[in-house]
């Protein structure tokens, strides 16, 4: 699992692209689960799929929350600076950008919850005899 610090929290587009790469595990879950033998309920196959899924879920969750925290701290810092220099237009622009980034990161957290729920439901249907 990659360190969440490798995610670029400053540029949302880069961050989103990095998330998309890690979300490929979830995108391919139907294919992966269809490769498992349903009759045998091969615990090794189910275990491997579960390990990949849970590692990707955890990595994305940590990355999103890390970026949320970093941007929240940045916002608080910018707000305290803005109180001292209320006429600084560059600072106001940066405040707006940081608020927008926080909103987009919050949306990504919601999307992540939906993706995790969908993947977990698919996993449970296919590997129902394998306890997670």
C-alpha atoms as a PDB file:
ATOM      1  CA  UNK A   1       0.000   0.000   0.000  1.00  0.00           C
ATOM      2  CA  UNK A   2       1.347   3.422  -0.940  1.00  0.00           C
ATOM      3  CA  UNK A   3       1.824   6.096   1.665  1.00  0.00           C
ATOM      4  CA  UNK A   4      -0.939   8.687   1.562  1.00  0.00           C
ATOM      5  CA  UNK A   5       1.713  11.405   1.446  1.00  0.00           C
ATOM      6  CA  UNK A   6       2.380  10.370  -2.162  1.00  0.00           C
ATOM      7  CA  UNK A   7      -1.010  11.793  -3.061  1.00  0.00           C
ATOM      8  CA  UNK A   8      -0.871  15.376  -4.237  1.00  0.00           C
ATOM      9  CA  UNK A   9      -3.407  17.133  -2.038  1.00  0.00           C
ATOM     10  CA  UNK A  10      -2.609  20.529  -3.567  1.00  0.00           C
ATOM     11  CA  UNK A  11      -3.862  19.654  -7.053  1.00  0.00           C
ATOM     12  CA  UNK A  12      -7.288  18.025  -6.990  1.00  0.00           C
ATOM     13  CA  UNK A  13      -6.978  16.771 -10.570  1.00  0.00           C
ATOM     14  CA  UNK A  14      -3.786  14.847  -9.725  1.00  0.00           C
ATOM     15  CA  UNK A  15      -5.405  13.539  -6.563  1.00  0.00           C
ATOM     16  CA  UNK A  16      -8.503  12.373  -8.461  1.00  0.00           C
ATOM     17  CA  UNK A  17      -6.335  10.623 -11.080  1.00  0.00           C
ATOM     18  CA  UNK A  18      -4.432   8.794  -8.340  1.00  0.00           C
ATOM     19  CA  UNK A  19      -7.732   7.679  -6.776  1.00  0.00           C
ATOM     20  CA  UNK A  20      -8.961   6.427 -10.137  1.00  0.00           C
ATOM     21  CA  UNK A  21      -5.889   4.205 -10.473  1.00  0.00           C
ATOM     22  CA  UNK A  22      -6.529   2.625  -7.085  1.00  0.00           C
ATOM     23  CA  UNK A  23     -10.261   2.282  -7.826  1.00  0.00           C
ATOM     24  CA  UNK A  24      -9.473  -0.102 -10.693  1.00  0.00           C
ATOM     25  CA  UNK A  25      -9.570  -2.926  -8.130  1.00  0.00           C
ATOM     26  CA  UNK A  26     -13.205  -2.096  -7.459  1.00  0.00           C
ATOM     27  CA  UNK A  27     -13.957  -1.555 -11.149  1.00  0.00           C
ATOM     28  CA  UNK A  28     -12.686  -5.065 -11.919  1.00  0.00           C
ATOM     29  CA  UNK A  29     -14.347  -6.854  -9.006  1.00  0.00           C
ATOM     30  CA  UNK A  30     -17.011  -8.536 -11.157  1.00  0.00           C
ATOM     31  CA  UNK A  31     -14.326  -9.951 -13.443  1.00  0.00           C
ATOM     32  CA  UNK A  32     -12.213 -11.083 -10.482  1.00  0.00           C
ATOM     33  CA  UNK A  33     -15.144 -12.699  -8.710  1.00  0.00           C
ATOM     34  CA  UNK A  34     -16.344 -14.440 -11.860  1.00  0.00           C
ATOM     35  CA  UNK A  35     -12.945 -16.115 -12.046  1.00  0.00           C
ATOM     36  CA  UNK A  36     -13.524 -17.771  -8.674  1.00  0.00           C
ATOM     37  CA  UNK A  37     -15.147 -21.197  -8.687  1.00  0.00           C
ATOM     38  CA  UNK A  38     -18.588 -20.784  -7.144  1.00  0.00           C
ATOM     39  CA  UNK A  39     -19.107 -24.492  -6.535  1.00  0.00           C
ATOM     40  CA  UNK A  40     -15.881 -24.918  -4.602  1.00  0.00           C
ATOM     41  CA  UNK A  41     -16.057 -21.516  -2.922  1.00  0.00           C
ATOM     42  CA  UNK A  42     -12.297 -21.446  -3.197  1.00  0.00           C
ATOM     43  CA  UNK A  43     -11.320 -19.671  -0.021  1.00  0.00           C
ATOM     44  CA  UNK A  44      -7.936 -18.738  -1.432  1.00  0.00           C
ATOM     45  CA  UNK A  45      -9.498 -16.902  -4.360  1.00  0.00           C
ATOM     46  CA  UNK A  46     -12.027 -15.172  -2.132  1.00  0.00           C
ATOM     47  CA  UNK A  47      -9.314 -14.320   0.358  1.00  0.00           C
ATOM     48  CA  UNK A  48      -7.071 -12.845  -2.336  1.00  0.00           C
ATOM     49  CA  UNK A  49      -9.882 -10.729  -3.737  1.00  0.00           C
ATOM     50  CA  UNK A  50     -10.844  -9.561  -0.244  1.00  0.00           C
ATOM     51  CA  UNK A  51      -7.258  -8.637   0.618  1.00  0.00           C
ATOM     52  CA  UNK A  52      -6.922  -6.576  -2.581  1.00  0.00           C
ATOM     53  CA  UNK A  53     -10.255  -4.880  -1.991  1.00  0.00           C
ATOM     54  CA  UNK A  54      -9.718  -4.067   1.651  1.00  0.00           C
ATOM     55  CA  UNK A  55      -6.180  -2.771   1.015  1.00  0.00           C
ATOM     56  CA  UNK A  56      -7.438  -0.486  -1.766  1.00  0.00           C
ATOM     57  CA  UNK A  57     -10.363   0.703   0.372  1.00  0.00           C
ATOM     58  CA  UNK A  58      -8.093   1.498   3.284  1.00  0.00           C
ATOM     59  CA  UNK A  59      -5.517   3.259   1.109  1.00  0.00           C
ATOM     60  CA  UNK A  60      -8.135   5.470  -0.509  1.00  0.00           C
ATOM     61  CA  UNK A  61      -9.853   6.216   2.793  1.00  0.00           C
ATOM     62  CA  UNK A  62      -6.572   7.231   4.418  1.00  0.00           C
ATOM     63  CA  UNK A  63      -5.575   9.334   1.397  1.00  0.00           C
ATOM     64  CA  UNK A  64      -8.895  11.194   1.234  1.00  0.00           C
ATOM     65  CA  UNK A  65      -9.001  11.854   4.967  1.00  0.00           C
ATOM     66  CA  UNK A  66      -5.354  12.907   4.966  1.00  0.00           C
ATOM     67  CA  UNK A  67      -6.010  15.436   2.194  1.00  0.00           C
ATOM     68  CA  UNK A  68      -9.155  16.636   3.941  1.00  0.00           C
ATOM     69  CA  UNK A  69      -7.172  17.262   7.126  1.00  0.00           C
ATOM     70  CA  UNK A  70      -4.335  18.971   5.287  1.00  0.00           C
ATOM     71  CA  UNK A  71      -6.725  21.253   3.419  1.00  0.00           C
ATOM     72  CA  UNK A  72      -8.707  21.979   6.585  1.00  0.00           C
ATOM     73  CA  UNK A  73      -5.507  23.049   8.322  1.00  0.00           C
ATOM     74  CA  UNK A  74      -4.585  25.150   5.298  1.00  0.00           C
ATOM     75  CA  UNK A  75      -8.021  26.781   5.364  1.00  0.00           C
ATOM     76  CA  UNK A  76      -7.734  27.653   9.049  1.00  0.00           C
ATOM     77  CA  UNK A  77      -4.297  29.143   8.439  1.00  0.00           C
ATOM     78  CA  UNK A  78      -5.555  31.171   5.482  1.00  0.00           C
ATOM     79  CA  UNK A  79      -8.577  32.394   7.431  1.00  0.00           C
ATOM     80  CA  UNK A  80      -6.385  33.660  10.253  1.00  0.00           C
ATOM     81  CA  UNK A  81      -4.179  35.449   7.705  1.00  0.00           C
ATOM     82  CA  UNK A  82      -7.257  36.888   5.995  1.00  0.00           C
ATOM     83  CA  UNK A  83      -8.449  38.420   9.254  1.00  0.00           C
ATOM     84  CA  UNK A  84      -5.173  40.318   9.522  1.00  0.00           C
ATOM     85  CA  UNK A  85      -5.044  41.356   5.860  1.00  0.00           C
ATOM     86  CA  UNK A  86      -8.675  41.706   4.805  1.00  0.00           C
ATOM     87  CA  UNK A  87      -7.873  43.551   1.538  1.00  0.00           C
ATOM     88  CA  UNK A  88      -5.502  40.907   0.077  1.00  0.00           C
ATOM     89  CA  UNK A  89      -7.235  39.646  -3.082  1.00  0.00           C
ATOM     90  CA  UNK A  90      -4.673  36.888  -3.666  1.00  0.00           C
ATOM     91  CA  UNK A  91      -5.401  35.533  -0.214  1.00  0.00           C
ATOM     92  CA  UNK A  92      -9.152  35.651  -0.845  1.00  0.00           C
ATOM     93  CA  UNK A  93      -8.675  33.736  -4.082  1.00  0.00           C
ATOM     94  CA  UNK A  94      -6.613  31.087  -2.305  1.00  0.00           C
ATOM     95  CA  UNK A  95      -9.273  30.855   0.416  1.00  0.00           C
ATOM     96  CA  UNK A  96     -11.940  30.231  -2.215  1.00  0.00           C
ATOM     97  CA  UNK A  97      -9.822  27.594  -3.963  1.00  0.00           C
ATOM     98  CA  UNK A  98      -9.146  25.811  -0.679  1.00  0.00           C
ATOM     99  CA  UNK A  99     -12.844  25.824   0.223  1.00  0.00           C
ATOM    100  CA  UNK A 100     -13.681  24.398  -3.212  1.00  0.00           C
ATOM    101  CA  UNK A 101     -11.045  21.694  -2.793  1.00  0.00           C
ATOM    102  CA  UNK A 102     -12.487  20.800   0.617  1.00  0.00           C
ATOM    103  CA  UNK A 103     -15.963  20.487  -0.915  1.00  0.00           C
ATOM    104  CA  UNK A 104     -14.658  18.247  -3.692  1.00  0.00           C
ATOM    105  CA  UNK A 105     -12.749  16.085  -1.200  1.00  0.00           C
ATOM    106  CA  UNK A 106     -15.893  15.724   0.898  1.00  0.00           C
ATOM    107  CA  UNK A 107     -17.730  14.612  -2.227  1.00  0.00           C
ATOM    108  CA  UNK A 108     -14.969  12.075  -2.917  1.00  0.00           C
ATOM    109  CA  UNK A 109     -15.448  10.674   0.580  1.00  0.00           C
ATOM    110  CA  UNK A 110     -19.155  10.187  -0.203  1.00  0.00           C
ATOM    111  CA  UNK A 111     -18.310   8.553  -3.545  1.00  0.00           C
ATOM    112  CA  UNK A 112     -15.826   6.302  -1.768  1.00  0.00           C
ATOM    113  CA  UNK A 113     -18.501   5.097   0.651  1.00  0.00           C
ATOM    114  CA  UNK A 114     -20.752   4.180  -2.282  1.00  0.00           C
ATOM    115  CA  UNK A 115     -17.942   2.340  -4.083  1.00  0.00           C
ATOM    116  CA  UNK A 116     -16.983   0.401  -0.948  1.00  0.00           C
ATOM    117  CA  UNK A 117     -20.602  -0.546  -0.292  1.00  0.00           C
ATOM    118  CA  UNK A 118     -21.105  -1.714  -3.894  1.00  0.00           C
ATOM    119  CA  UNK A 119     -17.903  -3.759  -3.906  1.00  0.00           C
ATOM    120  CA  UNK A 120     -18.639  -5.327  -0.530  1.00  0.00           C
ATOM    121  CA  UNK A 121     -22.144  -6.310  -1.657  1.00  0.00           C
ATOM    122  CA  UNK A 122     -20.799  -7.928  -4.821  1.00  0.00           C
ATOM    123  CA  UNK A 123     -18.159  -9.744  -2.812  1.00  0.00           C
ATOM    124  CA  UNK A 124     -20.713 -11.054  -0.313  1.00  0.00           C
ATOM    125  CA  UNK A 125     -22.932 -12.356  -3.109  1.00  0.00           C
ATOM    126  CA  UNK A 126     -20.124 -14.263  -4.783  1.00  0.00           C
ATOM    127  CA  UNK A 127     -18.136 -15.399  -1.736  1.00  0.00           C
ATOM    128  CA  UNK A 128     -21.033 -15.772   0.661  1.00  0.00           C
ATOM    129  CA  UNK A 129     -19.509 -18.818   2.370  1.00  0.00           C
ATOM    130  CA  UNK A 130     -16.241 -17.050   2.982  1.00  0.00           C
ATOM    131  CA  UNK A 131     -16.287 -15.047   6.187  1.00  0.00           C
ATOM    132  CA  UNK A 132     -14.666 -11.617   6.008  1.00  0.00           C
END
